[in-house]
Amino acid sequence: MAKLDKSMQLALEGKSLAELEYEALRAQLRLSEETKNAALKHAMELDRNLGEIQRELEKEKEKRETFERECAALRDQLEILRAELAATRAERDRALEAEREMRIK
């Protein structure tokens, strides 16, 4: 009975049930479009953020590679300095030994 009353009221308003269903579907479609557009906008923002993060990671990778090269160069320098120190110590030891031998004679 309530359904019949509703149908009568709609008929009096000049809208058929099919028209109302059509309007409801249009509203649902509009909502779906808005949701899709919002999701697309969000996805584009995430993509931009991802691009920025990737650029930052690339910069950090370059910094790390530079740091590693500098460390390797410093290690090489340290090895050279150690070798020079060992040679200097050996030379000093030979000089001290020679001086000691001269004193003994």
N, C-alpha and C. Protein backbone atom coordinates (compact mmCIF):
# COMPACT_ATOMS: atom_id res chain seq x y z
N MET A 1 0.82 -1.19 0.00
CA MET A 1 0.00 0.00 0.00
C MET A 1 0.86 1.25 0.00
N ALA A 2 1.95 1.23 0.85
CA ALA A 2 2.84 2.38 0.89
C ALA A 2 3.51 2.57 -0.46
N LYS A 3 3.82 1.47 -1.12
CA LYS A 3 4.45 1.54 -2.44
C LYS A 3 3.49 2.16 -3.44
N LEU A 4 2.26 1.80 -3.35
CA LEU A 4 1.25 2.35 -4.25
C LEU A 4 1.07 3.85 -3.99
N ASP A 5 1.07 4.21 -2.72
CA ASP A 5 0.97 5.64 -2.39
C ASP A 5 2.17 6.39 -2.94
N LYS A 6 3.35 5.83 -2.80
CA LYS A 6 4.56 6.46 -3.32
C LYS A 6 4.47 6.59 -4.82
N SER A 7 4.03 5.54 -5.51
CA SER A 7 3.87 5.60 -6.95
C SER A 7 2.88 6.67 -7.35
N MET A 8 1.78 6.78 -6.60
CA MET A 8 0.79 7.81 -6.90
C MET A 8 1.38 9.20 -6.71
N GLN A 9 2.15 9.35 -5.63
CA GLN A 9 2.76 10.65 -5.35
C GLN A 9 3.74 11.02 -6.46
N LEU A 10 4.53 10.04 -6.89
CA LEU A 10 5.49 10.28 -7.98
C LEU A 10 4.76 10.60 -9.28
N ALA A 11 3.69 9.90 -9.51
CA ALA A 11 2.91 10.17 -10.73
C ALA A 11 2.34 11.57 -10.69
N LEU A 12 1.92 12.01 -9.52
CA LEU A 12 1.40 13.36 -9.38
C LEU A 12 2.50 14.40 -9.61
N GLU A 13 3.72 14.04 -9.17
CA GLU A 13 4.85 14.95 -9.38
C GLU A 13 5.35 14.89 -10.82
N GLY A 14 4.83 14.01 -11.56
CA GLY A 14 5.18 13.91 -12.97
C GLY A 14 6.42 13.06 -13.23
N LYS A 15 6.85 12.27 -12.28
CA LYS A 15 8.03 11.43 -12.47
C LYS A 15 7.62 9.98 -12.37
N SER A 16 8.08 9.24 -13.32
CA SER A 16 7.80 7.81 -13.27
C SER A 16 8.92 7.12 -12.50
N LEU A 17 8.67 5.91 -12.13
CA LEU A 17 9.67 5.12 -11.43
C LEU A 17 10.91 4.93 -12.30
N ALA A 18 10.73 4.77 -13.58
CA ALA A 18 11.86 4.63 -14.50
C ALA A 18 12.70 5.89 -14.51
N GLU A 19 12.05 7.06 -14.48
CA GLU A 19 12.80 8.32 -14.46
C GLU A 19 13.61 8.46 -13.17
N LEU A 20 13.00 8.06 -12.07
CA LEU A 20 13.71 8.14 -10.79
C LEU A 20 14.89 7.18 -10.77
N GLU A 21 14.69 5.98 -11.30
CA GLU A 21 15.79 5.02 -11.37
C GLU A 21 16.91 5.57 -12.25
N TYR A 22 16.51 6.22 -13.36
CA TYR A 22 17.49 6.82 -14.26
C TYR A 22 18.28 7.91 -13.52
N GLU A 23 17.59 8.78 -12.77
CA GLU A 23 18.26 9.83 -12.02
C GLU A 23 19.19 9.25 -10.96
N ALA A 24 18.74 8.18 -10.31
CA ALA A 24 19.58 7.52 -9.29
C ALA A 24 20.84 6.94 -9.93
N LEU A 25 20.68 6.33 -11.10
CA LEU A 25 21.84 5.77 -11.80
C LEU A 25 22.80 6.87 -12.23
N ARG A 26 22.26 7.99 -12.70
CA ARG A 26 23.10 9.13 -13.11
C ARG A 26 23.88 9.67 -11.89
N ALA A 27 23.19 9.76 -10.76
CA ALA A 27 23.85 10.25 -9.54
C ALA A 27 24.96 9.28 -9.12
N GLN A 28 24.67 8.00 -9.23
CA GLN A 28 25.67 6.99 -8.89
C GLN A 28 26.85 7.06 -9.84
N LEU A 29 26.59 7.26 -11.12
CA LEU A 29 27.66 7.40 -12.11
C LEU A 29 28.51 8.63 -11.82
N ARG A 30 27.85 9.74 -11.49
CA ARG A 30 28.56 10.97 -11.17
C ARG A 30 29.46 10.76 -9.95
N LEU A 31 28.94 10.07 -8.95
CA LEU A 31 29.72 9.76 -7.76
C LEU A 31 30.90 8.86 -8.11
N SER A 32 30.68 7.88 -8.98
CA SER A 32 31.76 7.00 -9.41
C SER A 32 32.84 7.78 -10.15
N GLU A 33 32.45 8.73 -10.98
CA GLU A 33 33.40 9.57 -11.71
C GLU A 33 34.22 10.42 -10.73
N GLU A 34 33.53 10.98 -9.73
CA GLU A 34 34.23 11.80 -8.74
C GLU A 34 35.22 10.95 -7.96
N THR A 35 34.80 9.76 -7.59
CA THR A 35 35.68 8.85 -6.87
C THR A 35 36.88 8.47 -7.74
N LYS A 36 36.61 8.18 -9.01
CA LYS A 36 37.69 7.82 -9.93
C LYS A 36 38.66 8.99 -10.10
N ASN A 37 38.13 10.20 -10.25
CA ASN A 37 38.98 11.38 -10.41
C ASN A 37 39.82 11.64 -9.16
N ALA A 38 39.21 11.46 -8.00
CA ALA A 38 39.96 11.64 -6.75
C ALA A 38 41.07 10.59 -6.64
N ALA A 39 40.76 9.36 -6.99
CA ALA A 39 41.76 8.29 -6.95
C ALA A 39 42.88 8.56 -7.95
N LEU A 40 42.53 9.04 -9.12
CA LEU A 40 43.54 9.37 -10.13
C LEU A 40 44.43 10.51 -9.66
N LYS A 41 43.83 11.53 -9.06
CA LYS A 41 44.61 12.66 -8.54
C LYS A 41 45.57 12.17 -7.46
N HIS A 42 45.08 11.31 -6.58
CA HIS A 42 45.91 10.76 -5.52
C HIS A 42 47.05 9.92 -6.10
N ALA A 43 46.74 9.12 -7.10
CA ALA A 43 47.76 8.29 -7.74
C ALA A 43 48.84 9.16 -8.40
N MET A 44 48.41 10.26 -9.02
CA MET A 44 49.38 11.16 -9.65
C MET A 44 50.27 11.81 -8.59
N GLU A 45 49.69 12.16 -7.46
CA GLU A 45 50.48 12.74 -6.37
C GLU A 45 51.48 11.72 -5.83
N LEU A 46 51.03 10.49 -5.66
CA LEU A 46 51.93 9.43 -5.21
C LEU A 46 53.06 9.19 -6.21
N ASP A 47 52.73 9.27 -7.49
CA ASP A 47 53.74 9.09 -8.53
C ASP A 47 54.78 10.22 -8.46
N ARG A 48 54.33 11.45 -8.26
CA ARG A 48 55.27 12.58 -8.11
C ARG A 48 56.17 12.37 -6.90
N ASN A 49 55.55 11.96 -5.79
CA ASN A 49 56.32 11.71 -4.57
C ASN A 49 57.34 10.60 -4.80
N LEU A 50 56.93 9.57 -5.49
CA LEU A 50 57.85 8.47 -5.78
C LEU A 50 59.02 8.97 -6.63
N GLY A 51 58.72 9.81 -7.60
CA GLY A 51 59.78 10.38 -8.44
C GLY A 51 60.77 11.18 -7.62
N GLU A 52 60.26 11.99 -6.69
CA GLU A 52 61.13 12.78 -5.82
C GLU A 52 61.98 11.87 -4.95
N ILE A 53 61.39 10.84 -4.41
CA ILE A 53 62.12 9.89 -3.56
C ILE A 53 63.21 9.20 -4.37
N GLN A 54 62.89 8.80 -5.60
CA GLN A 54 63.88 8.14 -6.44
C GLN A 54 65.04 9.09 -6.75
N ARG A 55 64.75 10.37 -7.01
CA ARG A 55 65.82 11.34 -7.26
C ARG A 55 66.70 11.50 -6.02
N GLU A 56 66.07 11.58 -4.86
CA GLU A 56 66.84 11.69 -3.62
C GLU A 56 67.71 10.45 -3.39
N LEU A 57 67.14 9.29 -3.66
CA LEU A 57 67.92 8.05 -3.51
C LEU A 57 69.11 8.04 -4.46
N GLU A 58 68.91 8.53 -5.67
CA GLU A 58 70.01 8.58 -6.64
C GLU A 58 71.11 9.52 -6.15
N LYS A 59 70.71 10.68 -5.59
CA LYS A 59 71.69 11.61 -5.04
C LYS A 59 72.47 10.96 -3.90
N GLU A 60 71.73 10.27 -3.02
CA GLU A 60 72.38 9.60 -1.89
C GLU A 60 73.32 8.49 -2.38
N LYS A 61 72.91 7.80 -3.42
CA LYS A 61 73.76 6.75 -3.99
C LYS A 61 75.05 7.35 -4.53
N GLU A 62 74.93 8.49 -5.23
CA GLU A 62 76.12 9.16 -5.76
C GLU A 62 77.02 9.63 -4.62
N LYS A 63 76.42 10.18 -3.56
CA LYS A 63 77.21 10.61 -2.40
C LYS A 63 77.95 9.43 -1.78
N ARG A 64 77.26 8.30 -1.68
CA ARG A 64 77.87 7.12 -1.08
C ARG A 64 79.02 6.61 -1.94
N GLU A 65 78.81 6.59 -3.26
CA GLU A 65 79.87 6.14 -4.16
C GLU A 65 81.08 7.07 -4.07
N THR A 66 80.83 8.38 -4.00
CA THR A 66 81.93 9.34 -3.84
C THR A 66 82.65 9.10 -2.53
N PHE A 67 81.89 8.92 -1.46
CA PHE A 67 82.47 8.64 -0.15
C PHE A 67 83.33 7.37 -0.18
N GLU A 68 82.82 6.32 -0.80
CA GLU A 68 83.57 5.06 -0.88
C GLU A 68 84.86 5.23 -1.67
N ARG A 69 84.81 6.02 -2.77
CA ARG A 69 86.04 6.28 -3.55
C ARG A 69 87.04 7.06 -2.71
N GLU A 70 86.54 8.07 -1.99
CA GLU A 70 87.43 8.87 -1.14
C GLU A 70 88.04 8.00 -0.04
N CYS A 71 87.24 7.12 0.54
CA CYS A 71 87.75 6.21 1.58
C CYS A 71 88.83 5.29 1.01
N ALA A 72 88.59 4.78 -0.18
CA ALA A 72 89.58 3.90 -0.82
C ALA A 72 90.88 4.67 -1.07
N ALA A 73 90.77 5.91 -1.53
CA ALA A 73 91.96 6.73 -1.77
C ALA A 73 92.69 6.99 -0.46
N LEU A 74 91.95 7.27 0.61
CA LEU A 74 92.57 7.49 1.92
C LEU A 74 93.24 6.22 2.44
N ARG A 75 92.60 5.07 2.21
CA ARG A 75 93.22 3.80 2.62
C ARG A 75 94.53 3.58 1.86
N ASP A 76 94.50 3.89 0.57
CA ASP A 76 95.73 3.76 -0.23
C ASP A 76 96.81 4.69 0.30
N GLN A 77 96.43 5.93 0.62
CA GLN A 77 97.39 6.89 1.17
C GLN A 77 97.95 6.40 2.50
N LEU A 78 97.08 5.84 3.31
CA LEU A 78 97.50 5.32 4.61
C LEU A 78 98.51 4.20 4.42
N GLU A 79 98.26 3.32 3.48
CA GLU A 79 99.21 2.23 3.22
C GLU A 79 100.56 2.78 2.75
N ILE A 80 100.54 3.80 1.91
CA ILE A 80 101.79 4.42 1.45
C ILE A 80 102.53 5.03 2.63
N LEU A 81 101.78 5.76 3.49
CA LEU A 81 102.41 6.37 4.66
C LEU A 81 102.97 5.32 5.61
N ARG A 82 102.26 4.22 5.78
CA ARG A 82 102.77 3.13 6.63
C ARG A 82 104.05 2.56 6.06
N ALA A 83 104.06 2.37 4.73
CA ALA A 83 105.27 1.85 4.09
C ALA A 83 106.43 2.83 4.24
N GLU A 84 106.16 4.13 4.07
CA GLU A 84 107.20 5.15 4.24
C GLU A 84 107.70 5.18 5.69
N LEU A 85 106.77 5.05 6.64
CA LEU A 85 107.15 5.03 8.06
C LEU A 85 108.02 3.81 8.35
N ALA A 86 107.64 2.67 7.80
CA ALA A 86 108.44 1.46 8.01
C ALA A 86 109.84 1.64 7.42
N ALA A 87 109.91 2.25 6.24
CA ALA A 87 111.21 2.48 5.61
C ALA A 87 112.04 3.46 6.44
N THR A 88 111.40 4.50 6.96
CA THR A 88 112.10 5.49 7.79
C THR A 88 112.61 4.84 9.07
N ARG A 89 111.78 4.02 9.68
CA ARG A 89 112.19 3.32 10.91
C ARG A 89 113.37 2.38 10.63
N ALA A 90 113.27 1.67 9.51
CA ALA A 90 114.35 0.75 9.16
C ALA A 90 115.64 1.53 8.93
N GLU A 91 115.55 2.67 8.26
CA GLU A 91 116.72 3.51 8.00
C GLU A 91 117.29 4.04 9.32
N ARG A 92 116.40 4.48 10.22
CA ARG A 92 116.83 4.96 11.53
C ARG A 92 117.52 3.85 12.32
N ASP A 93 116.90 2.66 12.28
CA ASP A 93 117.49 1.52 12.99
C ASP A 93 118.87 1.20 12.44
N ARG A 94 119.02 1.27 11.11
CA ARG A 94 120.35 1.00 10.52
C ARG A 94 121.35 2.08 10.94
N ALA A 95 120.87 3.33 10.98
CA ALA A 95 121.76 4.43 11.38
C ALA A 95 122.16 4.28 12.85
N LEU A 96 121.22 3.91 13.70
CA LEU A 96 121.53 3.70 15.12
C LEU A 96 122.49 2.53 15.30
N GLU A 97 122.27 1.49 14.54
CA GLU A 97 123.15 0.31 14.62
C GLU A 97 124.55 0.68 14.15
N ALA A 98 124.61 1.47 13.08
CA ALA A 98 125.93 1.89 12.58
C ALA A 98 126.61 2.78 13.61
N GLU A 99 125.89 3.67 14.25
CA GLU A 99 126.45 4.55 15.26
C GLU A 99 126.93 3.74 16.46
N ARG A 100 126.16 2.75 16.84
CA ARG A 100 126.53 1.89 17.96
C ARG A 100 127.81 1.14 17.63
N GLU A 101 127.88 0.64 16.42
CA GLU A 101 129.10 -0.09 16.02
C GLU A 101 130.31 0.84 16.00
N MET A 102 130.10 2.10 15.61
CA MET A 102 131.23 3.05 15.58
C MET A 102 131.70 3.34 17.00
N ARG A 103 130.81 3.39 17.95
CA ARG A 103 131.18 3.64 19.33
C ARG A 103 131.98 2.48 19.92
N ILE A 104 131.54 1.29 19.54
CA ILE A 104 132.20 0.07 20.06
C ILE A 104 133.63 0.01 19.54
N LYS A 105 133.89 0.43 18.32
CA LYS A 105 135.21 0.32 17.71
C LYS A 105 136.05 1.39 18.25
